[in-house]
Amino acid sequence: MLPPTYQTENYTLEPYQPKDLKRYLEMSMDRDVIAFMGGATDDIKTEESMFNKIFEIYRSNEKRWFWVWAVYRDQELCAHLELKETKDTTENELEIVYMVHPRERRKGIMKEVLHFLKINQHLWKRRITATIYPENDISFQLLMTWGIERKALITDKETGETFSKVWLR
């Protein structure tokens, strides 16, 4: 299912394009992303498969909510954003997942994008949550700008890993 296209003040959220593979790989293979993004690897073939899976999601007729955006500034990919139902969400929640290209960090991209999501979340009639590695201080700091209403530790039954689930205001 293709996500809708949105425009923030400086960024466009729209479906990925095949031309984005190189920048996507630079983002997904970055050490900071690998450390904190569930499922990220340092294997280029696996990450290429993950990129191609995005296009499968776009073609899917699955009923599950799963929006995947490329975040562009001036037609250049600078971040990745997902808003989706997961095994960790309830029927009235959507989980946010994001990563920022290494050369685009600390420029306020996700702060602006998250602000956009916050003011528009009422349109989707869902609460926005995030699942974060407890030691990912940078994401916690960013999400604090949105406002964290509640926080709980959850354990993945398959991997045994513990994460912090936060509910955003």
C-alpha atoms as a PDB file:
ATOM      1  CA  MET A   1       0.000   0.000   0.000  1.00  0.00           C
ATOM      2  CA  LEU A   2       1.475   3.326  -1.040  1.00  0.00           C
ATOM      3  CA  PRO A   3       1.642   5.896   1.740  1.00  0.00           C
ATOM      4  CA  PRO A   4       0.207   9.345   1.130  1.00  0.00           C
ATOM      5  CA  THR A   5       2.637  12.106   0.211  1.00  0.00           C
ATOM      6  CA  TYR A   6       3.087  14.862   2.780  1.00  0.00           C
ATOM      7  CA  GLN A   7       5.005  18.108   2.786  1.00  0.00           C
ATOM      8  CA  THR A   8       6.547  19.661   5.876  1.00  0.00           C
ATOM      9  CA  GLU A   9       8.176  23.082   5.792  1.00  0.00           C
ATOM     10  CA  ASN A  10      11.461  21.696   4.421  1.00  0.00           C
ATOM     11  CA  TYR A  11      10.877  18.020   3.598  1.00  0.00           C
ATOM     12  CA  THR A  12       8.717  15.812   1.427  1.00  0.00           C
ATOM     13  CA  LEU A  13       7.538  12.428   2.688  1.00  0.00           C
ATOM     14  CA  GLU A  14       6.741  10.193  -0.252  1.00  0.00           C
ATOM     15  CA  PRO A  15       7.221   6.634  -1.470  1.00  0.00           C
ATOM     16  CA  TYR A  16      10.754   5.482  -2.180  1.00  0.00           C
ATOM     17  CA  GLN A  17      12.086   5.361  -5.720  1.00  0.00           C
ATOM     18  CA  PRO A  18      14.553   2.774  -7.077  1.00  0.00           C
ATOM     19  CA  LYS A  19      17.143   5.554  -7.486  1.00  0.00           C
ATOM     20  CA  ASP A  20      17.340   5.796  -3.663  1.00  0.00           C
ATOM     21  CA  LEU A  21      19.172   2.480  -3.206  1.00  0.00           C
ATOM     22  CA  LYS A  22      22.670   3.965  -2.785  1.00  0.00           C
ATOM     23  CA  ARG A  23      21.617   6.535  -0.152  1.00  0.00           C
ATOM     24  CA  TYR A  24      19.411   3.953   1.573  1.00  0.00           C
ATOM     25  CA  LEU A  25      22.389   1.590   1.876  1.00  0.00           C
ATOM     26  CA  GLU A  26      24.599   4.384   3.197  1.00  0.00           C
ATOM     27  CA  MET A  27      21.952   4.971   5.850  1.00  0.00           C
ATOM     28  CA  SER A  28      21.084   1.375   6.733  1.00  0.00           C
ATOM     29  CA  MET A  29      24.706   0.177   6.804  1.00  0.00           C
ATOM     30  CA  ASP A  30      25.830   2.985   9.119  1.00  0.00           C
ATOM     31  CA  ARG A  31      27.228   1.769  12.467  1.00  0.00           C
ATOM     32  CA  ASP A  32      24.841   3.935  14.522  1.00  0.00           C
ATOM     33  CA  VAL A  33      21.851   2.566  12.619  1.00  0.00           C
ATOM     34  CA  ILE A  34      23.056  -1.019  12.957  1.00  0.00           C
ATOM     35  CA  ALA A  35      23.489  -0.518  16.704  1.00  0.00           C
ATOM     36  CA  PHE A  36      19.947   0.733  17.279  1.00  0.00           C
ATOM     37  CA  MET A  37      17.696  -0.378  14.410  1.00  0.00           C
ATOM     38  CA  GLY A  38      16.101  -3.735  15.007  1.00  0.00           C
ATOM     39  CA  GLY A  39      16.805  -6.040  12.092  1.00  0.00           C
ATOM     40  CA  ALA A  40      19.617  -3.898  10.651  1.00  0.00           C
ATOM     41  CA  THR A  41      22.739  -5.772   9.637  1.00  0.00           C
ATOM     42  CA  ASP A  42      26.103  -4.974   8.165  1.00  0.00           C
ATOM     43  CA  ASP A  43      25.417  -7.292   5.223  1.00  0.00           C
ATOM     44  CA  ILE A  44      24.891  -5.392   1.967  1.00  0.00           C
ATOM     45  CA  LYS A  45      22.830  -8.172   0.327  1.00  0.00           C
ATOM     46  CA  THR A  46      20.463  -8.293   3.317  1.00  0.00           C
ATOM     47  CA  GLU A  47      20.067  -4.520   3.267  1.00  0.00           C
ATOM     48  CA  GLU A  48      19.415  -4.532  -0.504  1.00  0.00           C
ATOM     49  CA  SER A  49      16.709  -7.125   0.166  1.00  0.00           C
ATOM     50  CA  MET A  50      15.220  -4.854   2.844  1.00  0.00           C
ATOM     51  CA  PHE A  51      15.158  -1.990   0.332  1.00  0.00           C
ATOM     52  CA  ASN A  52      13.424  -4.182  -2.249  1.00  0.00           C
ATOM     53  CA  LYS A  53      10.914  -5.309   0.383  1.00  0.00           C
ATOM     54  CA  ILE A  54       9.707  -1.700   0.588  1.00  0.00           C
ATOM     55  CA  PHE A  55       8.434  -1.996  -2.982  1.00  0.00           C
ATOM     56  CA  GLU A  56       6.722  -5.293  -2.097  1.00  0.00           C
ATOM     57  CA  ILE A  57       4.948  -3.468   0.732  1.00  0.00           C
ATOM     58  CA  TYR A  58       3.827  -0.800  -1.743  1.00  0.00           C
ATOM     59  CA  ARG A  59       2.352  -3.488  -4.028  1.00  0.00           C
ATOM     60  CA  SER A  60       0.723  -5.394  -1.180  1.00  0.00           C
ATOM     61  CA  ASN A  61      -2.999  -5.460  -0.554  1.00  0.00           C
ATOM     62  CA  GLU A  62      -2.469  -6.532   3.034  1.00  0.00           C
ATOM     63  CA  LYS A  63      -4.915  -4.951   5.482  1.00  0.00           C
ATOM     64  CA  ARG A  64      -2.203  -4.133   8.014  1.00  0.00           C
ATOM     65  CA  TRP A  65      -1.259  -0.441   8.279  1.00  0.00           C
ATOM     66  CA  PHE A  66       2.318  -0.136   7.011  1.00  0.00           C
ATOM     67  CA  TRP A  67       3.425   3.191   5.555  1.00  0.00           C
ATOM     68  CA  VAL A  68       7.081   3.548   4.502  1.00  0.00           C
ATOM     69  CA  TRP A  69       8.377   6.934   3.387  1.00  0.00           C
ATOM     70  CA  ALA A  70      11.535   8.315   1.952  1.00  0.00           C
ATOM     71  CA  VAL A  71      12.133  11.744   3.446  1.00  0.00           C
ATOM     72  CA  TYR A  72      13.507  14.063   0.776  1.00  0.00           C
ATOM     73  CA  ARG A  73      14.963  17.537   0.785  1.00  0.00           C
ATOM     74  CA  ASP A  74      15.362  18.903  -2.738  1.00  0.00           C
ATOM     75  CA  GLN A  75      14.812  15.406  -4.192  1.00  0.00           C
ATOM     76  CA  GLU A  76      17.675  13.900  -2.149  1.00  0.00           C
ATOM     77  CA  LEU A  77      16.964  11.088   0.297  1.00  0.00           C
ATOM     78  CA  CYS A  78      17.914  12.230   3.774  1.00  0.00           C
ATOM     79  CA  ALA A  79      15.871   9.974   6.076  1.00  0.00           C
ATOM     80  CA  HIS A  80      13.663   6.888   6.279  1.00  0.00           C
ATOM     81  CA  LEU A  81      10.320   6.844   8.113  1.00  0.00           C
ATOM     82  CA  GLU A  82       7.777   4.141   8.873  1.00  0.00           C
ATOM     83  CA  LEU A  83       4.391   4.355  10.571  1.00  0.00           C
ATOM     84  CA  LYS A  84       2.950   0.888  11.059  1.00  0.00           C
ATOM     85  CA  GLU A  85       1.101  -1.730  13.032  1.00  0.00           C
ATOM     86  CA  THR A  86       3.496  -4.195  14.663  1.00  0.00           C
ATOM     87  CA  LYS A  87       3.402  -7.070  17.127  1.00  0.00           C
ATOM     88  CA  ASP A  88       4.058  -4.434  19.800  1.00  0.00           C
ATOM     89  CA  THR A  89       1.095  -2.184  18.936  1.00  0.00           C
ATOM     90  CA  THR A  90      -2.545  -2.470  19.928  1.00  0.00           C
ATOM     91  CA  GLU A  91      -5.451  -1.811  17.570  1.00  0.00           C
ATOM     92  CA  ASN A  92      -5.404   1.918  18.376  1.00  0.00           C
ATOM     93  CA  GLU A  93      -1.614   2.409  18.039  1.00  0.00           C
ATOM     94  CA  LEU A  94       0.929   2.918  15.276  1.00  0.00           C
ATOM     95  CA  GLU A  95       4.665   2.542  15.787  1.00  0.00           C
ATOM     96  CA  ILE A  96       7.126   5.014  14.348  1.00  0.00           C
ATOM     97  CA  VAL A  97      10.486   3.813  13.014  1.00  0.00           C
ATOM     98  CA  TYR A  98      13.101   6.108  11.540  1.00  0.00           C
ATOM     99  CA  MET A  99      16.713   6.443  10.503  1.00  0.00           C
ATOM    100  CA  VAL A 100      18.638   9.439   9.220  1.00  0.00           C
ATOM    101  CA  HIS A 101      21.409   9.460   6.630  1.00  0.00           C
ATOM    102  CA  PRO A 102      24.796   9.961   8.368  1.00  0.00           C
ATOM    103  CA  ARG A 103      25.521  13.230   6.535  1.00  0.00           C
ATOM    104  CA  GLU A 104      22.070  14.586   7.417  1.00  0.00           C
ATOM    105  CA  ARG A 105      22.167  14.102  11.177  1.00  0.00           C
ATOM    106  CA  ARG A 106      21.892  16.966  13.626  1.00  0.00           C
ATOM    107  CA  LYS A 107      20.092  19.152  11.065  1.00  0.00           C
ATOM    108  CA  GLY A 108      16.647  18.930  12.666  1.00  0.00           C
ATOM    109  CA  ILE A 109      15.142  16.623  10.054  1.00  0.00           C
ATOM    110  CA  MET A 110      13.436  14.220  12.416  1.00  0.00           C
ATOM    111  CA  LYS A 111      12.449  16.982  14.820  1.00  0.00           C
ATOM    112  CA  GLU A 112      10.532  18.654  11.980  1.00  0.00           C
ATOM    113  CA  VAL A 113       9.087  15.380  10.669  1.00  0.00           C
ATOM    114  CA  LEU A 114       8.007  14.235  14.139  1.00  0.00           C
ATOM    115  CA  HIS A 115       6.374  17.607  14.760  1.00  0.00           C
ATOM    116  CA  PHE A 116       4.433  17.145  11.522  1.00  0.00           C
ATOM    117  CA  LEU A 117       3.304  13.666  12.624  1.00  0.00           C
ATOM    118  CA  LYS A 118       2.332  14.934  16.058  1.00  0.00           C
ATOM    119  CA  ILE A 119       0.057  17.660  14.755  1.00  0.00           C
ATOM    120  CA  ASN A 120      -1.524  15.261  12.243  1.00  0.00           C
ATOM    121  CA  GLN A 121      -1.845  12.077  14.308  1.00  0.00           C
ATOM    122  CA  HIS A 122      -5.513  12.838  15.015  1.00  0.00           C
ATOM    123  CA  LEU A 123      -6.197  12.153  11.308  1.00  0.00           C
ATOM    124  CA  TRP A 124      -5.233   8.508  11.766  1.00  0.00           C
ATOM    125  CA  LYS A 125      -7.157   8.091  15.052  1.00  0.00           C
ATOM    126  CA  ARG A 126      -4.206   6.180  16.483  1.00  0.00           C
ATOM    127  CA  ARG A 127      -1.692   6.779  19.254  1.00  0.00           C
ATOM    128  CA  ILE A 128       1.926   6.968  18.103  1.00  0.00           C
ATOM    129  CA  THR A 129       4.413   4.742  19.908  1.00  0.00           C
ATOM    130  CA  ALA A 130       8.082   3.937  19.512  1.00  0.00           C
ATOM    131  CA  THR A 131      10.100   0.893  20.522  1.00  0.00           C
ATOM    132  CA  ILE A 132      13.669   1.829  21.386  1.00  0.00           C
ATOM    133  CA  TYR A 133      16.779   0.138  22.695  1.00  0.00           C
ATOM    134  CA  PRO A 134      17.094   1.405  26.298  1.00  0.00           C
ATOM    135  CA  GLU A 135      20.616   2.730  25.620  1.00  0.00           C
ATOM    136  CA  ASN A 136      19.566   4.787  22.561  1.00  0.00           C
ATOM    137  CA  ASP A 137      19.842   8.165  24.275  1.00  0.00           C
ATOM    138  CA  ILE A 138      19.693  10.156  21.022  1.00  0.00           C
ATOM    139  CA  SER A 139      16.247   8.766  20.132  1.00  0.00           C
ATOM    140  CA  PHE A 140      14.998   9.291  23.669  1.00  0.00           C
ATOM    141  CA  GLN A 141      16.122  12.922  23.568  1.00  0.00           C
ATOM    142  CA  LEU A 142      14.419  13.437  20.212  1.00  0.00           C
ATOM    143  CA  LEU A 143      11.177  11.810  21.344  1.00  0.00           C
ATOM    144  CA  MET A 144      11.199  13.904  24.521  1.00  0.00           C
ATOM    145  CA  THR A 145      10.698  16.953  22.275  1.00  0.00           C
ATOM    146  CA  TRP A 146       7.411  15.339  21.160  1.00  0.00           C
ATOM    147  CA  GLY A 147       6.538  14.396  24.725  1.00  0.00           C
ATOM    148  CA  ILE A 148       6.580  10.935  26.237  1.00  0.00           C
ATOM    149  CA  GLU A 149       3.412  10.138  28.116  1.00  0.00           C
ATOM    150  CA  ARG A 150       4.323   6.647  29.272  1.00  0.00           C
ATOM    151  CA  LYS A 151       7.242   4.249  29.113  1.00  0.00           C
ATOM    152  CA  ALA A 152       7.466   0.483  29.705  1.00  0.00           C
ATOM    153  CA  LEU A 153      10.022  -2.256  29.189  1.00  0.00           C
ATOM    154  CA  ILE A 154       9.009  -5.033  26.805  1.00  0.00           C
ATOM    155  CA  THR A 155      10.833  -8.224  25.883  1.00  0.00           C
ATOM    156  CA  ASP A 156      10.832  -9.731  22.420  1.00  0.00           C
ATOM    157  CA  LYS A 157       9.659 -13.331  22.902  1.00  0.00           C
ATOM    158  CA  GLU A 158      11.689 -14.573  19.927  1.00  0.00           C
ATOM    159  CA  THR A 159      15.041 -12.895  20.643  1.00  0.00           C
ATOM    160  CA  GLY A 160      14.844 -12.212  24.373  1.00  0.00           C
ATOM    161  CA  GLU A 161      15.941  -8.589  23.754  1.00  0.00           C
ATOM    162  CA  THR A 162      14.507  -5.898  26.003  1.00  0.00           C
ATOM    163  CA  PHE A 163      13.233  -2.618  24.588  1.00  0.00           C
ATOM    164  CA  SER A 164      11.596   0.510  25.916  1.00  0.00           C
ATOM    165  CA  LYS A 165       8.150   1.158  24.493  1.00  0.00           C
ATOM    166  CA  VAL A 166       7.091   4.781  24.721  1.00  0.00           C
ATOM    167  CA  TRP A 167       3.705   6.309  24.111  1.00  0.00           C
ATOM    168  CA  LEU A 168       3.955   9.781  22.630  1.00  0.00           C
ATOM    169  CA  ARG A 169       1.566  12.622  23.541  1.00  0.00           C
END
